Amino acid sequence: MLSPHSTAHPAHPAVQPRLRGLLSGLLALTLALAACSPTYNWREVRPAGSPLLALMPCKPEQAERAAPLGGSPVVLHMHSCETGGLTFAVAWAELAASDSSAEALDRWRGAALAAIRADPGRAGDPALQWTPEVRGADQAQGLVAQGTQHDQRTVQMRVAHFSRGQQVYQAAVYGAALPDEVVTTFFEGLRLP
């Protein structure tokens, strides 16, 4: 190993940019591997009855319940799983032909905030907005918020609400902290072919 006082020749100038490029590439690979670690066993999921394709980092459980998203209650189809201290969920519902998908998504956004004990009236607050890019969606809106769980622990939420035709969707991640690479992988995996 060379000491700071070594008289060895410095590296050729063309080698330094290549070394920086190599280090940048290794950093990107490390981040990608973190998103693909055994904790996050990514798989493509297609909820039954829906064209939605989603990447889930664990095997989801399924549930259904009635929800007042439209003018009349609809059946909410949910898929969720937990891994790495995070909860991942996708849900969808088919609205009646007379119901507005924009109004249903607004209701769902308020309900998402209420679920983490945050003010549902803040659903339109620009400070909480982000714009998800869901391929094949007619419209998409996102929320980033902090609230509390039923046990009073702080929880972070990132959620996307989107629609195609009369089908409305929610995709969400919840946790004490939301790692960027994992959250990005989850939301970039959403598509309506």
C-alpha atoms as a PDB file:
ATOM      1  CA  MET A   1       0.000   0.000   0.000  1.00  0.00           C
ATOM      2  CA  LEU A   2       1.295   3.458  -0.826  1.00  0.00           C
ATOM      3  CA  SER A   3       1.703   6.041   1.889  1.00  0.00           C
ATOM      4  CA  PRO A   4       0.659   9.656   1.370  1.00  0.00           C
ATOM      5  CA  HIS A   5       4.354  10.481   1.022  1.00  0.00           C
ATOM      6  CA  SER A   6       5.012   7.843  -1.633  1.00  0.00           C
ATOM      7  CA  THR A   7       6.907   8.838  -4.755  1.00  0.00           C
ATOM      8  CA  ALA A   8       4.966   6.416  -6.978  1.00  0.00           C
ATOM      9  CA  HIS A   9       3.540   7.864 -10.170  1.00  0.00           C
ATOM     10  CA  PRO A  10      -0.125   8.947 -10.004  1.00  0.00           C
ATOM     11  CA  ALA A  11      -2.646   6.922 -11.983  1.00  0.00           C
ATOM     12  CA  HIS A  12      -2.982   7.783 -15.623  1.00  0.00           C
ATOM     13  CA  PRO A  13      -5.619  10.590 -15.998  1.00  0.00           C
ATOM     14  CA  ALA A  14      -7.847   8.325 -18.135  1.00  0.00           C
ATOM     15  CA  VAL A  15      -7.952   5.727 -15.336  1.00  0.00           C
ATOM     16  CA  GLN A  16      -9.541   8.093 -12.771  1.00  0.00           C
ATOM     17  CA  PRO A  17     -12.814   8.616 -14.715  1.00  0.00           C
ATOM     18  CA  ARG A  18     -13.001   4.858 -15.347  1.00  0.00           C
ATOM     19  CA  LEU A  19     -12.528   4.220 -11.628  1.00  0.00           C
ATOM     20  CA  ARG A  20     -15.275   6.704 -10.785  1.00  0.00           C
ATOM     21  CA  GLY A  21     -17.525   5.010 -13.353  1.00  0.00           C
ATOM     22  CA  LEU A  22     -16.752   1.613 -11.837  1.00  0.00           C
ATOM     23  CA  LEU A  23     -17.538   2.882  -8.330  1.00  0.00           C
ATOM     24  CA  SER A  24     -20.802   4.447  -9.547  1.00  0.00           C
ATOM     25  CA  GLY A  25     -21.731   1.166 -11.215  1.00  0.00           C
ATOM     26  CA  LEU A  26     -20.981  -0.789  -8.035  1.00  0.00           C
ATOM     27  CA  LEU A  27     -23.138   1.598  -5.997  1.00  0.00           C
ATOM     28  CA  ALA A  28     -26.043   1.172  -8.442  1.00  0.00           C
ATOM     29  CA  LEU A  29     -25.614  -2.616  -8.333  1.00  0.00           C
ATOM     30  CA  THR A  30     -25.607  -2.565  -4.524  1.00  0.00           C
ATOM     31  CA  LEU A  31     -28.875  -0.594  -4.480  1.00  0.00           C
ATOM     32  CA  ALA A  32     -30.438  -2.946  -7.026  1.00  0.00           C
ATOM     33  CA  LEU A  33     -29.390  -5.995  -5.018  1.00  0.00           C
ATOM     34  CA  ALA A  34     -30.903  -4.470  -1.885  1.00  0.00           C
ATOM     35  CA  ALA A  35     -34.231  -4.259  -3.722  1.00  0.00           C
ATOM     36  CA  CYS A  36     -33.801  -7.887  -4.866  1.00  0.00           C
ATOM     37  CA  SER A  37     -32.637  -9.314  -1.536  1.00  0.00           C
ATOM     38  CA  PRO A  38     -34.225 -12.449  -0.034  1.00  0.00           C
ATOM     39  CA  THR A  39     -36.284 -10.124   2.179  1.00  0.00           C
ATOM     40  CA  TYR A  40     -37.958  -8.826  -0.969  1.00  0.00           C
ATOM     41  CA  ASN A  41     -38.835 -11.848  -3.127  1.00  0.00           C
ATOM     42  CA  TRP A  42     -40.477  -9.955  -6.018  1.00  0.00           C
ATOM     43  CA  ARG A  43     -43.164 -11.711  -8.023  1.00  0.00           C
ATOM     44  CA  GLU A  44     -45.756 -10.585 -10.549  1.00  0.00           C
ATOM     45  CA  VAL A  45     -49.326 -10.713  -9.245  1.00  0.00           C
ATOM     46  CA  ARG A  46     -52.544 -10.367 -11.256  1.00  0.00           C
ATOM     47  CA  PRO A  47     -55.559  -9.966  -8.959  1.00  0.00           C
ATOM     48  CA  ALA A  48     -58.400 -12.205 -10.195  1.00  0.00           C
ATOM     49  CA  GLY A  49     -61.047 -10.352 -12.203  1.00  0.00           C
ATOM     50  CA  SER A  50     -58.746  -7.422 -12.932  1.00  0.00           C
ATOM     51  CA  PRO A  51     -56.239  -6.669 -15.693  1.00  0.00           C
ATOM     52  CA  LEU A  52     -53.845  -5.129 -13.127  1.00  0.00           C
ATOM     53  CA  LEU A  53     -50.302  -6.489 -13.001  1.00  0.00           C
ATOM     54  CA  ALA A  54     -48.320  -5.633  -9.867  1.00  0.00           C
ATOM     55  CA  LEU A  55     -44.924  -6.572  -8.468  1.00  0.00           C
ATOM     56  CA  MET A  56     -45.259  -7.768  -4.878  1.00  0.00           C
ATOM     57  CA  PRO A  57     -42.184  -8.472  -2.713  1.00  0.00           C
ATOM     58  CA  CYS A  58     -43.889 -11.317  -0.845  1.00  0.00           C
ATOM     59  CA  LYS A  59     -46.758 -13.763  -1.368  1.00  0.00           C
ATOM     60  CA  PRO A  60     -49.963 -11.770  -0.840  1.00  0.00           C
ATOM     61  CA  GLU A  61     -53.000 -12.850   1.120  1.00  0.00           C
ATOM     62  CA  GLN A  62     -56.416 -12.105  -0.378  1.00  0.00           C
ATOM     63  CA  ALA A  63     -59.543 -10.631   1.161  1.00  0.00           C
ATOM     64  CA  GLU A  64     -62.792  -8.988   0.062  1.00  0.00           C
ATOM     65  CA  ARG A  65     -65.155  -6.568   1.755  1.00  0.00           C
ATOM     66  CA  ALA A  66     -67.905  -4.112   0.894  1.00  0.00           C
ATOM     67  CA  ALA A  67     -66.774  -0.482   0.592  1.00  0.00           C
ATOM     68  CA  PRO A  68     -68.736   2.736  -0.058  1.00  0.00           C
ATOM     69  CA  LEU A  69     -66.595   4.054  -2.918  1.00  0.00           C
ATOM     70  CA  GLY A  70     -69.347   4.716  -5.433  1.00  0.00           C
ATOM     71  CA  GLY A  71     -73.003   5.677  -5.220  1.00  0.00           C
ATOM     72  CA  SER A  72     -73.662   2.177  -3.902  1.00  0.00           C
ATOM     73  CA  PRO A  73     -71.344  -0.197  -2.019  1.00  0.00           C
ATOM     74  CA  VAL A  74     -68.847  -2.106  -4.150  1.00  0.00           C
ATOM     75  CA  VAL A  75     -66.802  -5.228  -3.461  1.00  0.00           C
ATOM     76  CA  LEU A  76     -63.217  -4.273  -2.668  1.00  0.00           C
ATOM     77  CA  HIS A  77     -60.744  -7.010  -3.685  1.00  0.00           C
ATOM     78  CA  MET A  78     -57.505  -6.763  -1.670  1.00  0.00           C
ATOM     79  CA  HIS A  79     -54.083  -8.413  -1.865  1.00  0.00           C
ATOM     80  CA  SER A  80     -51.492  -7.627   0.813  1.00  0.00           C
ATOM     81  CA  CYS A  81     -48.335  -8.960   2.401  1.00  0.00           C
ATOM     82  CA  GLU A  82     -45.673  -7.946   4.904  1.00  0.00           C
ATOM     83  CA  THR A  83     -41.900  -8.208   4.648  1.00  0.00           C
ATOM     84  CA  GLY A  84     -38.910  -6.234   5.832  1.00  0.00           C
ATOM     85  CA  GLY A  85     -41.056  -4.276   8.277  1.00  0.00           C
ATOM     86  CA  LEU A  86     -43.267  -2.985   5.439  1.00  0.00           C
ATOM     87  CA  THR A  87     -46.826  -3.732   4.364  1.00  0.00           C
ATOM     88  CA  PHE A  88     -47.586  -3.794   0.625  1.00  0.00           C
ATOM     89  CA  ALA A  89     -51.168  -3.752  -0.644  1.00  0.00           C
ATOM     90  CA  VAL A  90     -53.082  -3.566  -3.904  1.00  0.00           C
ATOM     91  CA  ALA A  91     -56.863  -3.354  -4.093  1.00  0.00           C
ATOM     92  CA  TRP A  92     -59.459  -2.823  -6.784  1.00  0.00           C
ATOM     93  CA  ALA A  93     -63.208  -2.461  -7.236  1.00  0.00           C
ATOM     94  CA  GLU A  94     -65.641  -2.336 -10.148  1.00  0.00           C
ATOM     95  CA  LEU A  95     -67.924   0.707  -9.999  1.00  0.00           C
ATOM     96  CA  ALA A  96     -71.485   0.812 -11.276  1.00  0.00           C
ATOM     97  CA  ALA A  97     -71.820   2.369 -14.745  1.00  0.00           C
ATOM     98  CA  SER A  98     -73.451   5.458 -13.216  1.00  0.00           C
ATOM     99  CA  ASP A  99     -70.632   6.102 -10.703  1.00  0.00           C
ATOM    100  CA  SER A 100     -67.805   8.556 -11.341  1.00  0.00           C
ATOM    101  CA  SER A 101     -64.327   7.047 -11.044  1.00  0.00           C
ATOM    102  CA  ALA A 102     -62.863  10.486 -10.174  1.00  0.00           C
ATOM    103  CA  GLU A 103     -65.291  10.863  -7.241  1.00  0.00           C
ATOM    104  CA  ALA A 104     -64.643   7.284  -6.092  1.00  0.00           C
ATOM    105  CA  LEU A 105     -60.876   7.903  -6.115  1.00  0.00           C
ATOM    106  CA  ASP A 106     -61.346  11.116  -4.095  1.00  0.00           C
ATOM    107  CA  ARG A 107     -63.338   9.160  -1.473  1.00  0.00           C
ATOM    108  CA  TRP A 108     -60.687   6.451  -1.414  1.00  0.00           C
ATOM    109  CA  ARG A 109     -57.911   9.020  -0.920  1.00  0.00           C
ATOM    110  CA  GLY A 110     -59.720  10.428   2.118  1.00  0.00           C
ATOM    111  CA  ALA A 111     -60.285   6.911   3.467  1.00  0.00           C
ATOM    112  CA  ALA A 112     -56.560   6.101   3.036  1.00  0.00           C
ATOM    113  CA  LEU A 113     -55.653   9.091   5.203  1.00  0.00           C
ATOM    114  CA  ALA A 114     -58.305   8.229   7.802  1.00  0.00           C
ATOM    115  CA  ALA A 115     -56.915   4.662   7.992  1.00  0.00           C
ATOM    116  CA  ILE A 116     -53.615   6.035   9.352  1.00  0.00           C
ATOM    117  CA  ARG A 117     -55.404   8.553  11.596  1.00  0.00           C
ATOM    118  CA  ALA A 118     -54.466  11.504   9.386  1.00  0.00           C
ATOM    119  CA  ASP A 119     -56.929  14.245   8.443  1.00  0.00           C
ATOM    120  CA  PRO A 120     -58.985  12.986   5.446  1.00  0.00           C
ATOM    121  CA  GLY A 121     -59.605  16.623   4.510  1.00  0.00           C
ATOM    122  CA  ARG A 122     -55.935  16.882   3.503  1.00  0.00           C
ATOM    123  CA  ALA A 123     -56.417  14.528   0.528  1.00  0.00           C
ATOM    124  CA  GLY A 124     -56.167  17.533  -1.816  1.00  0.00           C
ATOM    125  CA  ASP A 125     -53.226  19.173   0.010  1.00  0.00           C
ATOM    126  CA  PRO A 126     -50.431  19.812  -2.550  1.00  0.00           C
ATOM    127  CA  ALA A 127     -47.813  19.082   0.137  1.00  0.00           C
ATOM    128  CA  LEU A 128     -48.990  15.445   0.239  1.00  0.00           C
ATOM    129  CA  GLN A 129     -49.183  14.885  -3.541  1.00  0.00           C
ATOM    130  CA  TRP A 130     -46.992  12.883  -5.875  1.00  0.00           C
ATOM    131  CA  THR A 131     -47.753  11.747  -9.412  1.00  0.00           C
ATOM    132  CA  PRO A 132     -47.505   8.007  -9.985  1.00  0.00           C
ATOM    133  CA  GLU A 133     -47.000   6.764 -13.518  1.00  0.00           C
ATOM    134  CA  VAL A 134     -49.179   3.702 -13.924  1.00  0.00           C
ATOM    135  CA  ARG A 135     -49.021   2.386 -17.483  1.00  0.00           C
ATOM    136  CA  GLY A 136     -52.492   1.966 -18.954  1.00  0.00           C
ATOM    137  CA  ALA A 137     -54.343   4.026 -16.319  1.00  0.00           C
ATOM    138  CA  ASP A 138     -56.838   6.709 -17.348  1.00  0.00           C
ATOM    139  CA  GLN A 139     -55.914   8.813 -14.313  1.00  0.00           C
ATOM    140  CA  ALA A 140     -53.537   8.445 -11.356  1.00  0.00           C
ATOM    141  CA  GLN A 141     -52.995  10.404  -8.151  1.00  0.00           C
ATOM    142  CA  GLY A 142     -50.638   9.768  -5.259  1.00  0.00           C
ATOM    143  CA  LEU A 143     -50.388  10.644  -1.583  1.00  0.00           C
ATOM    144  CA  VAL A 144     -47.447  10.601   0.807  1.00  0.00           C
ATOM    145  CA  ALA A 145     -48.453  10.981   4.446  1.00  0.00           C
ATOM    146  CA  GLN A 146     -47.539  10.181   8.016  1.00  0.00           C
ATOM    147  CA  GLY A 147     -49.981   8.979  10.641  1.00  0.00           C
ATOM    148  CA  THR A 148     -50.357   6.477  13.442  1.00  0.00           C
ATOM    149  CA  GLN A 149     -51.262   2.816  13.567  1.00  0.00           C
ATOM    150  CA  HIS A 150     -53.865   1.331  15.915  1.00  0.00           C
ATOM    151  CA  ASP A 151     -51.068   0.775  18.501  1.00  0.00           C
ATOM    152  CA  GLN A 152     -50.105   4.480  18.277  1.00  0.00           C
ATOM    153  CA  ARG A 153     -46.800   3.812  16.476  1.00  0.00           C
ATOM    154  CA  THR A 154     -45.894   6.275  13.722  1.00  0.00           C
ATOM    155  CA  VAL A 155     -46.431   4.983  10.190  1.00  0.00           C
ATOM    156  CA  GLN A 156     -45.418   6.372   6.796  1.00  0.00           C
ATOM    157  CA  MET A 157     -47.687   5.779   3.806  1.00  0.00           C
ATOM    158  CA  ARG A 158     -47.148   6.133   0.071  1.00  0.00           C
ATOM    159  CA  VAL A 159     -50.259   5.334  -1.936  1.00  0.00           C
ATOM    160  CA  ALA A 160     -51.375   5.547  -5.566  1.00  0.00           C
ATOM    161  CA  HIS A 161     -55.023   5.693  -6.642  1.00  0.00           C
ATOM    162  CA  PHE A 162     -55.764   5.123 -10.314  1.00  0.00           C
ATOM    163  CA  SER A 163     -58.484   3.953 -12.650  1.00  0.00           C
ATOM    164  CA  ARG A 164     -59.268   2.526 -16.037  1.00  0.00           C
ATOM    165  CA  GLY A 165     -62.871   2.691 -17.114  1.00  0.00           C
ATOM    166  CA  GLN A 166     -65.081   1.771 -14.161  1.00  0.00           C
ATOM    167  CA  GLN A 167     -62.353  -0.129 -12.324  1.00  0.00           C
ATOM    168  CA  VAL A 168     -60.623   1.818  -9.545  1.00  0.00           C
ATOM    169  CA  TYR A 169     -57.374   0.780  -7.846  1.00  0.00           C
ATOM    170  CA  GLN A 170     -55.213   1.488  -4.851  1.00  0.00           C
ATOM    171  CA  ALA A 171     -51.569   0.452  -4.386  1.00  0.00           C
ATOM    172  CA  ALA A 172     -49.884   1.303  -1.088  1.00  0.00           C
ATOM    173  CA  VAL A 173     -46.795   0.789   1.048  1.00  0.00           C
ATOM    174  CA  TYR A 174     -46.835   1.344   4.822  1.00  0.00           C
ATOM    175  CA  GLY A 175     -43.979   1.268   7.339  1.00  0.00           C
ATOM    176  CA  ALA A 176     -41.986   3.134   9.958  1.00  0.00           C
ATOM    177  CA  ALA A 177     -39.621   4.190   7.143  1.00  0.00           C
ATOM    178  CA  LEU A 178     -40.024   3.660   3.393  1.00  0.00           C
ATOM    179  CA  PRO A 179     -36.772   2.746   1.563  1.00  0.00           C
ATOM    180  CA  ASP A 180     -36.700   4.559  -1.783  1.00  0.00           C
ATOM    181  CA  GLU A 181     -35.419   1.626  -3.867  1.00  0.00           C
ATOM    182  CA  VAL A 182     -38.072  -0.778  -2.560  1.00  0.00           C
ATOM    183  CA  VAL A 183     -40.922   1.735  -2.908  1.00  0.00           C
ATOM    184  CA  THR A 184     -39.765   2.643  -6.432  1.00  0.00           C
ATOM    185  CA  THR A 185     -39.656  -1.035  -7.475  1.00  0.00           C
ATOM    186  CA  PHE A 186     -43.186  -1.582  -6.159  1.00  0.00           C
ATOM    187  CA  PHE A 187     -44.793   1.427  -7.866  1.00  0.00           C
ATOM    188  CA  GLU A 188     -42.877   1.020 -11.149  1.00  0.00           C
ATOM    189  CA  GLY A 189     -44.219  -2.547 -11.330  1.00  0.00           C
ATOM    190  CA  LEU A 190     -47.856  -1.417 -11.614  1.00  0.00           C
ATOM    191  CA  ARG A 191     -49.444  -1.632 -15.046  1.00  0.00           C
ATOM    192  CA  LEU A 192     -52.758  -2.130 -16.766  1.00  0.00           C
ATOM    193  CA  PRO A 193     -51.985  -3.987 -20.036  1.00  0.00           C
END
